[in-house]
Every structure is written in C-alpha cells, then in structure tokens.
Protein backbone atom coordinates (compact mmCIF):
# COMPACT_ATOMS: atom_id res chain seq x y z
CA MET A 1 -13.59 -19.88 0.54
CA ALA A 2 -12.99 -23.62 0.54
CA SER A 3 -15.59 -24.91 -1.86
CA THR A 4 -16.13 -27.98 -3.99
CA ASP A 5 -17.39 -25.63 -6.73
CA ASP A 6 -14.17 -25.21 -8.73
CA SER A 7 -15.52 -22.10 -10.48
CA ARG A 8 -14.51 -20.22 -7.35
CA PRO A 9 -10.90 -19.58 -6.39
CA ALA A 10 -9.81 -21.02 -3.07
CA ILE A 11 -6.63 -18.96 -2.75
CA GLY A 12 -5.87 -15.36 -3.68
CA ILE A 13 -2.45 -13.70 -3.94
CA ASP A 14 -1.17 -10.13 -4.23
CA ILE A 15 0.95 -12.20 -4.08
CA GLY A 16 -1.35 -13.34 -1.85
CA VAL A 17 -4.34 -14.20 0.29
CA VAL A 18 -6.26 -17.34 1.18
CA LEU A 19 -9.97 -17.27 1.95
CA GLU A 20 -11.54 -20.46 3.18
CA ASN A 21 -14.28 -21.90 5.37
CA ARG A 22 -12.76 -22.05 8.85
CA GLY A 23 -14.57 -25.21 9.83
CA ASP A 24 -13.68 -27.25 6.77
CA GLU A 25 -10.19 -26.25 5.61
CA LYS A 26 -9.27 -29.50 3.85
CA ARG A 27 -12.43 -30.26 1.91
CA ALA A 28 -11.64 -28.43 -1.35
CA VAL A 29 -7.97 -27.52 -1.50
CA GLY A 30 -6.72 -30.53 0.43
CA ASP A 31 -2.98 -30.69 0.88
CA HIS A 32 -2.00 -28.35 -1.94
CA PRO A 33 1.53 -27.13 -1.11
CA LEU A 34 0.71 -23.46 -1.79
CA LEU A 35 -2.03 -23.54 0.84
CA SER A 36 0.32 -25.14 3.36
CA TYR A 37 3.05 -22.61 2.55
CA ILE A 38 0.80 -19.57 3.04
CA GLN A 39 -0.70 -20.95 6.23
CA LYS A 40 2.80 -21.47 7.64
CA GLN A 41 4.06 -18.02 6.61
CA THR A 42 1.03 -16.25 8.09
CA SER A 43 1.09 -17.91 11.49
CA ALA A 44 1.45 -15.53 14.43
CA GLU A 45 5.09 -16.43 15.04
CA ALA A 46 6.15 -16.52 11.38
CA THR A 47 4.87 -13.03 10.56
CA LYS A 48 7.26 -11.53 13.14
CA ALA A 49 10.24 -12.90 11.23
CA LEU A 50 9.22 -12.24 7.62
CA SER A 51 11.83 -10.81 5.26
CA GLN A 52 11.86 -7.12 4.36
CA GLY A 53 9.00 -6.23 2.04
CA TRP A 54 6.93 -9.27 3.07
CA THR A 55 3.74 -8.80 5.07
CA GLY A 56 1.53 -11.52 6.47
CA SER A 57 -1.45 -11.90 8.75
CA THR A 58 -4.60 -13.90 9.41
CA PHE A 59 -8.07 -12.32 9.50
CA TYR A 60 -11.53 -13.54 10.44
CA ARG A 61 -14.55 -12.03 8.72
CA GLU A 62 -18.28 -12.63 8.36
CA ARG A 63 -19.33 -12.88 4.71
CA LYS A 64 -22.93 -12.89 3.53
CA GLY A 65 -23.90 -16.39 2.50
CA LEU A 66 -20.58 -17.85 3.65
CA GLY A 67 -20.65 -17.43 7.42
CA LYS A 68 -17.38 -16.95 9.25
CA VAL A 69 -14.32 -17.14 7.00
CA VAL A 70 -10.60 -16.97 7.67
CA LEU A 71 -8.20 -15.09 5.40
CA HIS A 72 -4.51 -15.93 5.33
CA ALA A 73 -2.83 -12.93 3.66
CA LEU A 74 0.76 -12.93 2.46
CA VAL A 75 2.24 -10.11 0.40
CA ILE A 76 5.48 -10.97 -1.36
CA PRO A 77 7.81 -8.60 -3.29
CA THR A 78 8.07 -9.37 -7.00
CA ALA A 79 11.81 -9.94 -6.57
CA ASP A 80 11.09 -12.87 -4.24
CA ILE A 81 8.51 -14.70 -6.37
CA GLN A 82 11.08 -17.20 -7.64
CA GLN A 83 11.97 -18.00 -4.03
CA VAL A 84 8.33 -18.88 -3.36
CA MET A 85 8.05 -20.99 -6.50
CA ASP A 86 11.18 -22.91 -5.50
CA ALA A 87 9.78 -23.51 -2.01
CA VAL A 88 6.32 -24.61 -3.15
CA ALA A 89 6.90 -26.42 -6.45
CA SER A 90 6.54 -30.21 -6.17
CA PRO A 91 9.40 -32.53 -7.27
CA SER A 92 8.96 -34.07 -10.71
CA ASP A 93 8.41 -37.52 -9.19
CA ALA A 94 5.83 -36.31 -6.61
CA PRO A 95 2.21 -37.51 -6.84
CA VAL A 96 0.03 -35.32 -9.06
CA ILE A 97 -1.96 -32.79 -7.06
CA SER A 98 -5.28 -31.27 -8.06
CA LYS A 99 -5.09 -27.85 -9.68
CA ILE A 100 -6.68 -25.04 -7.67
CA LYS A 101 -7.84 -21.56 -8.66
CA VAL A 102 -6.02 -18.57 -7.22
CA ALA A 103 -7.25 -14.97 -7.29
CA ALA A 104 -4.27 -12.72 -8.02
CA THR A 105 -3.43 -9.04 -8.42
CA GLY A 106 -0.36 -6.84 -8.72
CA GLY A 107 2.43 -6.51 -11.26
CA GLY A 108 4.25 -9.62 -10.09
CA ALA A 109 1.20 -11.81 -10.56
CA LEU A 110 0.83 -10.61 -14.15
CA LYS A 111 4.52 -10.77 -14.99
CA TYR A 112 4.97 -14.28 -13.66
CA GLN A 113 1.49 -15.64 -14.39
CA SER A 114 2.54 -18.43 -16.75
CA GLU A 115 5.43 -19.54 -14.55
CA LEU A 116 3.30 -19.53 -11.39
CA GLU A 117 0.58 -21.57 -13.07
CA ARG A 118 3.01 -24.09 -14.51
CA GLN A 119 5.30 -24.57 -11.51
CA LEU A 120 2.64 -24.49 -8.79
CA ASN A 121 -0.17 -26.29 -10.66
CA ILE A 122 -2.63 -23.45 -10.13
CA GLU A 123 -4.93 -21.34 -12.32
CA LEU A 124 -4.65 -17.59 -11.74
CA VAL A 125 -7.79 -15.45 -11.80
CA ILE A 126 -6.40 -11.95 -12.33
CA VAL A 127 -8.12 -9.07 -10.52
CA LYS A 128 -7.31 -5.49 -11.57
CA GLU A 129 -5.02 -3.90 -9.00
CA LEU A 130 -7.13 -0.83 -8.24
CA HIS A 131 -10.27 -2.96 -7.97
CA ALA A 132 -8.47 -5.27 -5.54
CA THR A 133 -7.29 -2.31 -3.46
CA ALA A 134 -10.81 -0.85 -3.32
CA ARG A 135 -12.38 -4.16 -2.35
CA GLY A 136 -9.70 -4.78 0.25
CA LEU A 137 -10.33 -1.36 1.75
CA GLU A 138 -14.06 -2.07 1.95
CA LEU A 139 -13.32 -5.31 3.75
CA ASP A 140 -10.74 -3.74 6.06
CA SER A 141 -12.83 -0.69 6.96
CA GLY A 142 -16.20 -2.40 7.16
CA ALA A 143 -17.60 0.22 4.77
CA GLU A 144 -18.67 -2.24 2.07
CA SER A 145 -21.16 -0.56 -0.31
CA ALA A 146 -22.19 1.82 2.47
CA LYS A 147 -21.31 5.13 0.84
CA GLN A 148 -19.13 6.75 -1.79
CA MET A 149 -15.40 6.56 -1.08
CA LEU A 150 -12.42 8.38 -2.57
CA ILE A 151 -9.12 6.49 -2.50
CA CYS A 152 -5.72 8.03 -3.14
CA ASN A 153 -3.43 5.09 -3.93
CA ILE A 154 0.25 6.06 -3.72
CA GLY A 155 2.41 3.46 -5.38
CA THR A 156 4.83 3.94 -8.26
CA GLY A 157 2.52 6.75 -9.35
CA ILE A 158 -0.68 8.13 -7.86
CA SER A 159 -4.20 6.97 -8.69
CA LEU A 160 -7.35 8.65 -7.39
CA VAL A 161 -10.16 6.12 -7.34
CA LYS A 162 -13.86 6.64 -6.71
CA VAL A 163 -16.03 3.85 -5.32
CA ASP A 164 -19.72 4.71 -5.58
CA GLU A 165 -22.63 3.53 -3.44
CA GLN A 166 -23.17 0.53 -5.72
CA GLY A 167 -19.53 -0.52 -5.39
CA LYS A 168 -18.46 0.59 -8.89
CA VAL A 169 -14.72 1.34 -9.00
CA GLU A 170 -13.52 4.15 -11.28
CA ARG A 171 -10.10 5.80 -11.61
CA VAL A 172 -10.98 9.49 -11.83
CA SER A 173 -7.53 11.10 -11.78
CA GLY A 174 -3.89 10.53 -10.97
CA SER A 175 -0.30 11.62 -11.41
CA GLY A 176 3.02 10.22 -12.56
CA ILE A 177 4.68 12.02 -9.65
CA GLY A 178 4.39 9.13 -7.21
CA GLY A 179 6.33 7.05 -4.74
CA ALA A 180 8.88 6.08 -7.38
CA THR A 181 9.56 9.78 -8.00
CA PHE A 182 10.21 10.46 -4.32
CA TRP A 183 12.41 7.40 -3.88
CA GLY A 184 14.34 8.00 -7.11
CA LEU A 185 15.17 11.56 -6.03
CA VAL A 186 16.19 10.38 -2.55
CA LYS A 187 18.60 7.82 -4.01
CA ARG A 188 20.00 10.32 -6.49
CA LEU A 189 20.48 13.18 -4.04
CA THR A 190 21.44 11.33 -0.83
CA GLN A 191 23.24 8.21 0.37
CA PHE A 192 20.04 6.57 1.66
CA ARG A 193 19.33 3.15 0.16
CA ASP A 194 16.61 2.07 2.59
CA PHE A 195 13.21 3.74 2.18
CA ASP A 196 12.14 3.49 5.82
CA LYS A 197 15.47 4.81 7.13
CA ALA A 198 15.24 7.80 4.80
CA ILE A 199 11.75 8.63 6.10
CA VAL A 200 12.75 8.23 9.76
CA ALA A 201 15.92 10.31 9.32
CA ALA A 202 13.93 13.06 7.60
CA ASN A 203 11.66 13.28 10.62
CA LYS A 204 14.24 12.89 13.39
CA GLU A 205 17.33 14.57 11.95
CA GLY A 206 16.23 16.73 9.03
CA THR A 207 15.58 20.47 9.36
CA LEU A 208 12.66 21.74 7.31
CA GLY A 209 13.43 24.87 5.33
CA LYS A 210 17.17 24.34 4.92
CA ALA A 211 16.79 23.04 1.35
CA ASP A 212 13.64 25.04 0.43
CA THR A 213 13.27 28.69 -0.50
CA LEU A 214 10.95 30.18 2.11
CA VAL A 215 8.89 33.36 1.99
CA GLU A 216 11.28 34.93 4.51
CA ASP A 217 14.19 34.25 2.16
CA ILE A 218 12.51 36.55 -0.36
CA TYR A 219 10.91 39.27 1.76
CA GLY A 220 12.66 38.97 5.10
CA ARG A 221 10.96 37.77 8.26
CA GLU A 222 9.29 41.00 9.36
CA THR A 223 8.15 42.04 5.88
CA SER A 224 6.64 38.58 5.37
CA LYS A 225 4.52 39.09 8.47
CA ALA A 226 3.56 42.59 7.34
CA ILE A 227 2.19 41.35 4.01
CA GLY A 228 0.29 38.52 5.71
CA LEU A 229 2.42 35.54 4.73
CA PRO A 230 3.99 33.08 7.20
CA PRO A 231 7.78 33.53 7.05
CA ASP A 232 8.32 29.77 7.00
CA LEU A 233 5.88 29.14 4.13
CA VAL A 234 7.59 27.35 1.22
CA ALA A 235 7.90 29.62 -1.79
CA GLY A 236 9.96 27.15 -3.84
CA PHE A 237 10.70 23.53 -2.96
CA LEU A 238 14.41 22.62 -3.16
CA GLY A 239 15.29 26.24 -3.98
CA LYS A 240 18.36 26.06 -1.71
CA LEU A 241 19.46 22.59 -2.75
CA ASP A 242 22.89 23.95 -3.66
CA ALA A 243 23.58 25.05 -0.06
CA ASP A 244 26.80 23.60 1.38
CA CYS A 245 25.42 22.85 4.84
CA LEU A 246 22.75 20.33 3.83
CA SER A 247 22.74 16.85 5.33
CA ASP A 248 21.12 13.83 3.71
CA ALA A 249 18.39 14.05 6.34
CA ASP A 250 17.71 17.70 5.41
CA ILE A 251 17.33 16.76 1.75
CA SER A 252 15.12 13.79 2.56
CA ALA A 253 12.93 16.05 4.74
CA ALA A 254 12.57 18.56 1.90
CA LEU A 255 11.71 15.86 -0.62
CA LEU A 256 9.15 14.34 1.74
CA ARG A 257 7.42 17.67 2.31
CA MET A 258 7.42 18.47 -1.42
CA PHE A 259 5.98 15.09 -2.32
CA VAL A 260 3.20 14.98 0.29
CA SER A 261 2.24 18.58 -0.50
CA ASN A 262 1.57 17.48 -4.08
CA VAL A 263 -0.33 14.40 -2.88
CA GLY A 264 -2.43 16.43 -0.46
CA GLN A 265 -3.30 19.03 -3.07
CA LEU A 266 -4.40 16.42 -5.62
CA ALA A 267 -6.49 14.55 -3.04
CA VAL A 268 -8.20 17.65 -1.66
CA PHE A 269 -9.08 19.04 -5.10
CA GLN A 270 -10.54 15.71 -6.19
CA ALA A 271 -12.51 15.38 -2.94
CA ARG A 272 -14.05 18.79 -3.55
CA LEU A 273 -14.97 17.84 -7.11
CA LEU A 274 -16.74 14.72 -5.80
CA GLU A 275 -18.22 16.62 -2.83
CA THR A 276 -16.84 14.17 -0.29
CA ASN A 277 -15.27 15.12 3.03
CA ALA A 278 -12.79 12.25 3.43
CA VAL A 279 -9.99 10.56 1.48
CA TRP A 280 -8.56 7.09 2.11
CA PHE A 281 -4.82 6.85 1.48
CA THR A 282 -3.42 3.48 0.42
CA GLY A 283 -0.42 2.05 -1.42
CA GLY A 284 3.23 1.33 -0.75
CA PHE A 285 4.07 4.86 0.35
CA VAL A 286 1.82 4.74 3.43
CA GLN A 287 3.00 1.36 4.62
CA SER A 288 6.32 0.11 5.91
CA THR A 289 8.65 -2.30 4.14
CA CYS A 290 9.71 -3.58 7.55
CA SER A 291 7.85 -5.58 10.17
CA ALA A 292 5.19 -3.60 12.01
CA ASP A 293 7.01 -4.59 15.21
CA SER A 294 10.17 -2.83 13.99
CA ASP A 295 10.91 0.59 15.46
CA VAL A 296 12.16 1.74 12.07
CA GLY A 297 9.34 0.23 10.05
CA GLY A 298 6.45 1.22 12.29
CA GLY A 299 7.95 4.69 12.69
CA ALA A 300 8.32 5.23 8.95
CA ALA A 301 4.72 4.32 8.21
CA GLU A 302 3.45 6.64 10.93
CA ILE A 303 5.69 9.50 9.76
CA ALA A 304 4.53 9.17 6.15
CA GLN A 305 0.90 9.10 7.20
CA ASN A 306 1.29 12.10 9.52
CA ALA A 307 3.01 14.07 6.75
CA ILE A 308 0.15 13.34 4.35
CA ALA A 309 -2.41 14.25 7.02
CA ASP A 310 -0.66 17.60 7.58
CA ALA A 311 -0.71 18.31 3.84
CA VAL A 312 -4.42 17.52 3.60
CA LEU A 313 -5.08 19.79 6.59
CA PHE A 314 -3.12 22.61 4.93
CA TRP A 315 -4.83 22.40 1.54
CA SER A 316 -8.35 21.81 2.88
CA GLY A 317 -8.28 24.07 5.90
CA GLY A 318 -9.46 21.10 7.95
CA SER A 319 -12.56 20.41 5.84
CA ILE A 320 -11.26 17.10 4.38
CA GLN A 321 -10.42 14.16 6.64
CA PRO A 322 -7.44 11.92 5.76
CA LEU A 323 -8.06 8.24 6.55
CA PHE A 324 -5.61 5.32 6.63
CA PRO A 325 -6.52 1.61 6.60
CA GLN A 326 -5.53 -0.66 9.46
CA HIS A 327 -3.90 -3.21 7.15
CA ALA A 328 -2.57 -1.00 4.35
CA ALA A 329 -0.04 -3.52 3.07
CA LEU A 330 -2.62 -6.28 2.71
CA LEU A 331 -5.45 -4.52 0.88
CA GLY A 332 -4.62 -5.90 -2.56
CA ALA A 333 -4.32 -9.43 -1.25
CA MET A 334 -7.56 -9.17 0.71
CA GLY A 335 -9.40 -7.56 -2.18
CA ALA A 336 -8.25 -10.07 -4.81
CA ILE A 337 -10.19 -12.93 -3.29
CA HIS A 338 -13.03 -10.61 -2.21
CA ASP A 339 -13.53 -9.39 -5.77
CA ALA A 340 -13.10 -12.81 -7.39
CA LEU A 341 -15.70 -14.65 -5.30
C-alpha cells in the first residue's frame, strides 16, 4: 500500500510484489527505480516475454481499511537476482533517493538481503516463506480466515501446513523427499535437463509400468485378478529400472508416479488427522517454469496437478479433495506484502 507511514512496506518481493493505493501511486514511493522496474516487468505485454523461471502479473483486490489496491507481482529466480540489481541500482552520481521498505520472502531474499538493501537503497522486511505462502493462498482463494486449511507445499522438500480459523500458520509435518528429489533423479537417470519437458514427455511418450514392478509381474495377470488385486497395481516402484527397453520418457513417467504417490499419501493421512476434507497444493512442483502461454509450460503444470489429484483420489478413495491455486507461482510474493502490512 502506498502510504506516508514509513512503518509499512510499500513493496514486497518473493522476489517480489508491490501493493499500493491505485489512486495515489506516487505519493509515498515516488520515482523509486525498483517500483518503476516492477511495474514495467508486470505490464500485460511484458509478462508474455519474461525469461524462464520468472512470473509476473497485476492483481486488484479489496482490502479492509484500504479500499481497492493493486498488486504488481514479480517472481524472480535466485540466479537472476544480480541481473535485477544491475538493472535497478542507481549510478553513483545519481541524486539520492528515499529509502523504501520492502516485504520479502524466499531463499534468495535472505541470501542476498544485505546486497539488495545496499544496492537498491531499500529496507527488507523478511516474512517467513511458509507464512507468505499461506497468506498468499488466502488472498488468491478468497478464503481469508474463513475456515481451517491444510496446505501441502511442494518445493525442494515437502511441508504440510495448517492454517486455523484465526489465521495461525503451523507446519505440522513434511518430508525431505520433495521436488529436488524428483528432479535430481530425473537428471541422474535420463538426459532431460528441462523440468517442464521431462513432465510433458512423461505424460505424452512414457509408458506407465515399464520401469515399475507390477502385481502381474509377481502373480501373473489372471492370478492377480483371482486374489483381488489389480494386475497393473504398482508393487515396487522402479523395480524394472534395469530393463533394456526403457526410454527417458518411461523413466520420467515412473519417477513422476512414484513421487506423486508419496505426496498424495502424506497429504491424505495428514488431512485425516486434522479431519479436513480438502488439501491445497502449492510450491514449485505444481507450477510451470515457463510462461503460462507456453504449450510446454502450461501443459507441464496441468500434468503435475492432474497426477497429484489422481494420487489423492487413490489414497483417499475420493473422500479428500485436491485444490490448486489460480496463481500458484505468485503466492509467496502476494503473501509477503499481505503478511507484512
């Protein structure tokens, strides 16, 4: 929110998001170059041409006590932070600009906090990443403080987060077998070096069961049916990984199914413990690293979400509903400023 009260941040980054009063954009943050940069990068035309891993958009929301506000959200990979600092930093002989407060979250914001503050003449207000994700989800879904929510955040690892009716955020469980595990195995076992392409190939070209040991591999197809087990049920993931006929797409498909089965099981068991009938899935694994307008990027995000939904259906028997936010990539950025105000 643009405000003359400098105890409130005017810009938030994941890296990042800007929240300001739509009718009075210049009053508090003036011509600060970071504001101008984010506004430019999140324009309708610019977001279509953002680099891989970048996500940007502009949102309009009603906030109690603030009226209508506009949020400029820009998510930037940690590897590209120096690029942003180079683009935004003022020359040494430039007029001194007023320091502004910036709500920030994510590993990059913490790692580069001192450099960002020094080079961009800002003060970072750090928001815990899971808190930012939860607040961003509330804002995105419109479910702010309405009821208890369970969030399964799939990033490097997995965090299961409960948000109660009063808005308290608590990490209740998790796993070190996360997105980094899946991607590390894909890179080790296949030639894929692009996450989205690996996901799309798994869906379009991979054959499920070629790399896994199935029930029918143990009992035979007819005997499996006789003892009441589906012949194509996985008895052991990657049990046939040494087969000669496997393609990279087959391996990627097996890894995807193994990973989402673990995710679905964790989420369903935690939902039952909390007696809730829905789980929100967030994090890098359920979003694309490409533009949403890209056939590859949009397809990968949808495939990952559908795979998770199938796993939740399997483990819950249809009693637990998997939910996915509209703006998955921007939740941290949206929540940083939401939580800091």
